[in-house]
Amino acid sequence: MNRVRGVRMADRIALIPVKGPIVTGGGSIIPVQPGAEMPKLVRKMVREAEDEANGAAFEIDSPG
């Protein structure tokens, strides 16, 4: 068990409740909360990802 100054590692992890969907990408998780302040670039990226998901057409390649 890892100990840092007598504190177990699990004692240093905080869980923050989040309402709404979670958007992942770029190795990070961004909580999307209604009314939350998000940088302009993040809002644009989320909007583009939603547009891509809504208009996605899936093509299945058959082997051979």
PDB file of N, CA and C in Angstrom:
ATOM      1  N   MET A   1       0.838  -1.174   0.000  1.00  0.00           N
ATOM      2  CA  MET A   1       0.000   0.000   0.000  1.00  0.00           C
ATOM      3  C   MET A   1       0.889   1.244   0.000  1.00  0.00           C
ATOM      4  N   ASN A   2       0.603   2.177  -0.886  1.00  0.00           N
ATOM      5  CA  ASN A   2       1.382   3.413  -0.944  1.00  0.00           C
ATOM      6  C   ASN A   2       0.979   4.340   0.189  1.00  0.00           C
ATOM      7  N   ARG A   3       1.985   4.844   0.883  1.00  0.00           N
ATOM      8  CA  ARG A   3       1.704   5.794   1.962  1.00  0.00           C
ATOM      9  C   ARG A   3       2.537   7.046   1.743  1.00  0.00           C
ATOM     10  N   VAL A   4       1.907   8.178   1.897  1.00  0.00           N
ATOM     11  CA  VAL A   4       2.590   9.459   1.807  1.00  0.00           C
ATOM     12  C   VAL A   4       2.308  10.198   3.095  1.00  0.00           C
ATOM     13  N   ARG A   5       3.329  10.375   3.903  1.00  0.00           N
ATOM     14  CA  ARG A   5       3.198  11.050   5.193  1.00  0.00           C
ATOM     15  C   ARG A   5       2.071  10.455   6.041  1.00  0.00           C
ATOM     16  N   GLY A   6       1.975   9.136   6.041  1.00  0.00           N
ATOM     17  CA  GLY A   6       0.981   8.459   6.864  1.00  0.00           C
ATOM     18  C   GLY A   6      -0.434   8.503   6.309  1.00  0.00           C
ATOM     19  N   VAL A   7      -0.604   8.954   5.075  1.00  0.00           N
ATOM     20  CA  VAL A   7      -1.936   9.036   4.466  1.00  0.00           C
ATOM     21  C   VAL A   7      -1.998   8.019   3.341  1.00  0.00           C
ATOM     22  N   ARG A   8      -3.022   7.190   3.370  1.00  0.00           N
ATOM     23  CA  ARG A   8      -3.196   6.232   2.288  1.00  0.00           C
ATOM     24  C   ARG A   8      -3.615   6.975   1.026  1.00  0.00           C
ATOM     25  N   MET A   9      -3.235   6.439  -0.125  1.00  0.00           N
ATOM     26  CA  MET A   9      -3.539   7.089  -1.394  1.00  0.00           C
ATOM     27  C   MET A   9      -5.043   7.282  -1.575  1.00  0.00           C
ATOM     28  N   ALA A  10      -5.846   6.299  -1.160  1.00  0.00           N
ATOM     29  CA  ALA A  10      -7.295   6.396  -1.323  1.00  0.00           C
ATOM     30  C   ALA A  10      -7.882   7.547  -0.518  1.00  0.00           C
ATOM     31  N   ASP A  11      -7.199   7.976   0.534  1.00  0.00           N
ATOM     32  CA  ASP A  11      -7.700   9.088   1.337  1.00  0.00           C
ATOM     33  C   ASP A  11      -7.560  10.422   0.618  1.00  0.00           C
ATOM     34  N   ARG A  12      -6.796  10.436  -0.474  1.00  0.00           N
ATOM     35  CA  ARG A  12      -6.538  11.695  -1.162  1.00  0.00           C
ATOM     36  C   ARG A  12      -7.353  11.844  -2.437  1.00  0.00           C
ATOM     37  N   ILE A  13      -8.269  10.942  -2.711  1.00  0.00           N
ATOM     38  CA  ILE A  13      -9.076  11.009  -3.926  1.00  0.00           C
ATOM     39  C   ILE A  13     -10.429  11.621  -3.582  1.00  0.00           C
ATOM     40  N   ALA A  14     -10.815  12.656  -4.302  1.00  0.00           N
ATOM     41  CA  ALA A  14     -12.103  13.308  -4.074  1.00  0.00           C
ATOM     42  C   ALA A  14     -13.057  12.931  -5.202  1.00  0.00           C
ATOM     43  N   LEU A  15     -14.262  12.575  -4.851  1.00  0.00           N
ATOM     44  CA  LEU A  15     -15.301  12.300  -5.837  1.00  0.00           C
ATOM     45  C   LEU A  15     -16.232  13.503  -5.878  1.00  0.00           C
ATOM     46  N   ILE A  16     -16.415  14.056  -7.057  1.00  0.00           N
ATOM     47  CA  ILE A  16     -17.248  15.239  -7.214  1.00  0.00           C
ATOM     48  C   ILE A  16     -18.502  14.836  -7.982  1.00  0.00           C
ATOM     49  N   PRO A  17     -19.683  15.000  -7.388  1.00  0.00           N
ATOM     50  CA  PRO A  17     -20.913  14.648  -8.101  1.00  0.00           C
ATOM     51  C   PRO A  17     -21.138  15.589  -9.284  1.00  0.00           C
ATOM     52  N   VAL A  18     -21.533  15.022 -10.407  1.00  0.00           N
ATOM     53  CA  VAL A  18     -21.750  15.800 -11.625  1.00  0.00           C
ATOM     54  C   VAL A  18     -23.110  15.444 -12.183  1.00  0.00           C
ATOM     55  N   LYS A  19     -23.888  16.458 -12.513  1.00  0.00           N
ATOM     56  CA  LYS A  19     -25.175  16.222 -13.168  1.00  0.00           C
ATOM     57  C   LYS A  19     -24.979  16.395 -14.666  1.00  0.00           C
ATOM     58  N   GLY A  20     -25.650  15.590 -15.440  1.00  0.00           N
ATOM     59  CA  GLY A  20     -25.570  15.707 -16.884  1.00  0.00           C
ATOM     60  C   GLY A  20     -24.562  14.738 -17.468  1.00  0.00           C
ATOM     61  N   PRO A  21     -24.426  14.770 -18.797  1.00  0.00           N
ATOM     62  CA  PRO A  21     -23.542  13.826 -19.483  1.00  0.00           C
ATOM     63  C   PRO A  21     -22.069  14.144 -19.254  1.00  0.00           C
ATOM     64  N   ILE A  22     -21.253  13.141 -19.448  1.00  0.00           N
ATOM     65  CA  ILE A  22     -19.802  13.294 -19.363  1.00  0.00           C
ATOM     66  C   ILE A  22     -19.250  13.197 -20.782  1.00  0.00           C
ATOM     67  N   VAL A  23     -18.438  14.152 -21.170  1.00  0.00           N
ATOM     68  CA  VAL A  23     -17.828  14.154 -22.495  1.00  0.00           C
ATOM     69  C   VAL A  23     -16.369  13.783 -22.328  1.00  0.00           C
ATOM     70  N   THR A  24     -15.933  12.775 -23.096  1.00  0.00           N
ATOM     71  CA  THR A  24     -14.534  12.369 -22.998  1.00  0.00           C
ATOM     72  C   THR A  24     -13.829  12.677 -24.302  1.00  0.00           C
ATOM     73  N   GLY A  25     -12.556  12.831 -24.225  1.00  0.00           N
ATOM     74  CA  GLY A  25     -11.771  13.076 -25.432  1.00  0.00           C
ATOM     75  C   GLY A  25     -10.434  13.678 -25.076  1.00  0.00           C
ATOM     76  N   GLY A  26      -9.434  13.357 -25.827  1.00  0.00           N
ATOM     77  CA  GLY A  26      -8.115  13.920 -25.585  1.00  0.00           C
ATOM     78  C   GLY A  26      -7.506  13.466 -24.282  1.00  0.00           C
ATOM     79  N   GLY A  27      -7.951  12.319 -23.774  1.00  0.00           N
ATOM     80  CA  GLY A  27      -7.387  11.799 -22.541  1.00  0.00           C
ATOM     81  C   GLY A  27      -7.923  12.459 -21.289  1.00  0.00           C
ATOM     82  N   SER A  28      -8.988  13.249 -21.434  1.00  0.00           N
ATOM     83  CA  SER A  28      -9.549  13.899 -20.252  1.00  0.00           C
ATOM     84  C   SER A  28     -11.053  13.715 -20.225  1.00  0.00           C
ATOM     85  N   ILE A  29     -11.629  13.941 -19.080  1.00  0.00           N
ATOM     86  CA  ILE A  29     -13.081  13.856 -18.927  1.00  0.00           C
ATOM     87  C   ILE A  29     -13.583  15.241 -18.559  1.00  0.00           C
ATOM     88  N   ILE A  30     -14.552  15.741 -19.313  1.00  0.00           N
ATOM     89  CA  ILE A  30     -15.100  17.069 -19.067  1.00  0.00           C
ATOM     90  C   ILE A  30     -16.551  16.916 -18.636  1.00  0.00           C
ATOM     91  N   PRO A  31     -16.897  17.272 -17.401  1.00  0.00           N
ATOM     92  CA  PRO A  31     -18.305  17.226 -17.016  1.00  0.00           C
ATOM     93  C   PRO A  31     -19.066  18.369 -17.671  1.00  0.00           C
ATOM     94  N   VAL A  32     -20.201  18.058 -18.272  1.00  0.00           N
ATOM     95  CA  VAL A  32     -21.014  19.079 -18.917  1.00  0.00           C
ATOM     96  C   VAL A  32     -22.222  19.324 -18.033  1.00  0.00           C
ATOM     97  N   GLN A  33     -22.263  20.461 -17.397  1.00  0.00           N
ATOM     98  CA  GLN A  33     -23.359  20.793 -16.507  1.00  0.00           C
ATOM     99  C   GLN A  33     -24.137  21.959 -17.093  1.00  0.00           C
ATOM    100  N   PRO A  34     -25.462  21.902 -17.027  1.00  0.00           N
ATOM    101  CA  PRO A  34     -26.256  23.021 -17.526  1.00  0.00           C
ATOM    102  C   PRO A  34     -25.868  24.301 -16.801  1.00  0.00           C
ATOM    103  N   GLY A  35     -25.595  25.343 -17.548  1.00  0.00           N
ATOM    104  CA  GLY A  35     -25.247  26.624 -16.956  1.00  0.00           C
ATOM    105  C   GLY A  35     -23.802  26.746 -16.530  1.00  0.00           C
ATOM    106  N   ALA A  36     -23.023  25.684 -16.693  1.00  0.00           N
ATOM    107  CA  ALA A  36     -21.614  25.746 -16.283  1.00  0.00           C
ATOM    108  C   ALA A  36     -20.836  26.582 -17.287  1.00  0.00           C
ATOM    109  N   GLU A  37     -19.881  27.312 -16.814  1.00  0.00           N
ATOM    110  CA  GLU A  37     -19.030  28.118 -17.690  1.00  0.00           C
ATOM    111  C   GLU A  37     -18.014  27.201 -18.357  1.00  0.00           C
ATOM    112  N   MET A  38     -18.080  27.124 -19.673  1.00  0.00           N
ATOM    113  CA  MET A  38     -17.102  26.343 -20.420  1.00  0.00           C
ATOM    114  C   MET A  38     -16.386  27.280 -21.373  1.00  0.00           C
ATOM    115  N   PRO A  39     -15.107  27.090 -21.555  1.00  0.00           N
ATOM    116  CA  PRO A  39     -14.393  27.910 -22.527  1.00  0.00           C
ATOM    117  C   PRO A  39     -15.013  27.756 -23.912  1.00  0.00           C
ATOM    118  N   LYS A  40     -14.881  28.792 -24.710  1.00  0.00           N
ATOM    119  CA  LYS A  40     -15.475  28.827 -26.045  1.00  0.00           C
ATOM    120  C   LYS A  40     -15.033  27.629 -26.892  1.00  0.00           C
ATOM    121  N   LEU A  41     -13.755  27.287 -26.823  1.00  0.00           N
ATOM    122  CA  LEU A  41     -13.228  26.180 -27.619  1.00  0.00           C
ATOM    123  C   LEU A  41     -13.858  24.853 -27.209  1.00  0.00           C
ATOM    124  N   VAL A  42     -14.054  24.636 -25.911  1.00  0.00           N
ATOM    125  CA  VAL A  42     -14.658  23.391 -25.433  1.00  0.00           C
ATOM    126  C   VAL A  42     -16.102  23.299 -25.907  1.00  0.00           C
ATOM    127  N   ARG A  43     -16.848  24.408 -25.815  1.00  0.00           N
ATOM    128  CA  ARG A  43     -18.237  24.406 -26.298  1.00  0.00           C
ATOM    129  C   ARG A  43     -18.285  24.060 -27.779  1.00  0.00           C
ATOM    130  N   LYS A  44     -17.352  24.628 -28.562  1.00  0.00           N
ATOM    131  CA  LYS A  44     -17.304  24.354 -29.999  1.00  0.00           C
ATOM    132  C   LYS A  44     -16.997  22.880 -30.252  1.00  0.00           C
ATOM    133  N   MET A  45     -16.036  22.326 -29.515  1.00  0.00           N
ATOM    134  CA  MET A  45     -15.671  20.920 -29.692  1.00  0.00           C
ATOM    135  C   MET A  45     -16.833  20.000 -29.340  1.00  0.00           C
ATOM    136  N   VAL A  46     -17.546  20.312 -28.258  1.00  0.00           N
ATOM    137  CA  VAL A  46     -18.691  19.491 -27.855  1.00  0.00           C
ATOM    138  C   VAL A  46     -19.775  19.563 -28.916  1.00  0.00           C
ATOM    139  N   ARG A  47     -20.062  20.763 -29.422  1.00  0.00           N
ATOM    140  CA  ARG A  47     -21.091  20.937 -30.453  1.00  0.00           C
ATOM    141  C   ARG A  47     -20.735  20.149 -31.709  1.00  0.00           C
ATOM    142  N   GLU A  48     -19.460  20.218 -32.136  1.00  0.00           N
ATOM    143  CA  GLU A  48     -19.031  19.486 -33.329  1.00  0.00           C
ATOM    144  C   GLU A  48     -19.137  17.978 -33.126  1.00  0.00           C
ATOM    145  N   ALA A  49     -18.774  17.496 -31.948  1.00  0.00           N
ATOM    146  CA  ALA A  49     -18.872  16.059 -31.661  1.00  0.00           C
ATOM    147  C   ALA A  49     -20.323  15.605 -31.682  1.00  0.00           C
ATOM    148  N   GLU A  50     -21.224  16.433 -31.124  1.00  0.00           N
ATOM    149  CA  GLU A  50     -22.648  16.086 -31.141  1.00  0.00           C
ATOM    150  C   GLU A  50     -23.172  16.065 -32.565  1.00  0.00           C
ATOM    151  N   ASP A  51     -22.773  17.044 -33.390  1.00  0.00           N
ATOM    152  CA  ASP A  51     -23.209  17.084 -34.786  1.00  0.00           C
ATOM    153  C   ASP A  51     -22.724  15.856 -35.546  1.00  0.00           C
ATOM    154  N   GLU A  52     -21.472  15.464 -35.311  1.00  0.00           N
ATOM    155  CA  GLU A  52     -20.938  14.272 -35.971  1.00  0.00           C
ATOM    156  C   GLU A  52     -21.701  13.025 -35.548  1.00  0.00           C
ATOM    157  N   ALA A  53     -22.010  12.926 -34.257  1.00  0.00           N
ATOM    158  CA  ALA A  53     -22.724  11.748 -33.751  1.00  0.00           C
ATOM    159  C   ALA A  53     -24.139  11.700 -34.303  1.00  0.00           C
ATOM    160  N   ASN A  54     -24.789  12.854 -34.426  1.00  0.00           N
ATOM    161  CA  ASN A  54     -26.163  12.894 -34.933  1.00  0.00           C
ATOM    162  C   ASN A  54     -26.232  12.544 -36.409  1.00  0.00           C
ATOM    163  N   GLY A  55     -25.214  12.915 -37.179  1.00  0.00           N
ATOM    164  CA  GLY A  55     -25.242  12.669 -38.612  1.00  0.00           C
ATOM    165  C   GLY A  55     -24.360  11.521 -39.047  1.00  0.00           C
ATOM    166  N   ALA A  56     -23.944  10.692 -38.116  1.00  0.00           N
ATOM    167  CA  ALA A  56     -23.006   9.615 -38.438  1.00  0.00           C
ATOM    168  C   ALA A  56     -23.681   8.527 -39.258  1.00  0.00           C
ATOM    169  N   ALA A  57     -22.982   8.077 -40.265  1.00  0.00           N
ATOM    170  CA  ALA A  57     -23.425   6.938 -41.062  1.00  0.00           C
ATOM    171  C   ALA A  57     -22.371   5.852 -40.884  1.00  0.00           C
ATOM    172  N   PHE A  58     -22.808   4.688 -40.472  1.00  0.00           N
ATOM    173  CA  PHE A  58     -21.867   3.609 -40.201  1.00  0.00           C
ATOM    174  C   PHE A  58     -21.830   2.649 -41.377  1.00  0.00           C
ATOM    175  N   GLU A  59     -20.637   2.288 -41.767  1.00  0.00           N
ATOM    176  CA  GLU A  59     -20.434   1.365 -42.871  1.00  0.00           C
ATOM    177  C   GLU A  59     -19.707   0.145 -42.330  1.00  0.00           C
ATOM    178  N   ILE A  60     -20.238  -1.024 -42.599  1.00  0.00           N
ATOM    179  CA  ILE A  60     -19.637  -2.259 -42.097  1.00  0.00           C
ATOM    180  C   ILE A  60     -18.906  -2.939 -43.245  1.00  0.00           C
ATOM    181  N   ASP A  61     -17.614  -3.137 -43.058  1.00  0.00           N
ATOM    182  CA  ASP A  61     -16.819  -3.836 -44.064  1.00  0.00           C
ATOM    183  C   ASP A  61     -16.913  -5.332 -43.807  1.00  0.00           C
ATOM    184  N   SER A  62     -17.231  -6.073 -44.866  1.00  0.00           N
ATOM    185  CA  SER A  62     -17.255  -7.524 -44.718  1.00  0.00           C
ATOM    186  C   SER A  62     -15.872  -8.073 -45.049  1.00  0.00           C
ATOM    187  N   PRO A  63     -15.456  -9.096 -44.322  1.00  0.00           N
ATOM    188  CA  PRO A  63     -14.139  -9.669 -44.603  1.00  0.00           C
ATOM    189  C   PRO A  63     -14.096 -10.289 -45.993  1.00  0.00           C
ATOM    190  N   GLY A  64     -13.011 -10.035 -46.700  1.00  0.00           N
ATOM    191  CA  GLY A  64     -12.813 -10.652 -48.001  1.00  0.00           C
ATOM    192  C   GLY A  64     -13.141  -9.816 -49.125  1.00  0.00           C
TER     193      GLY A  64
END
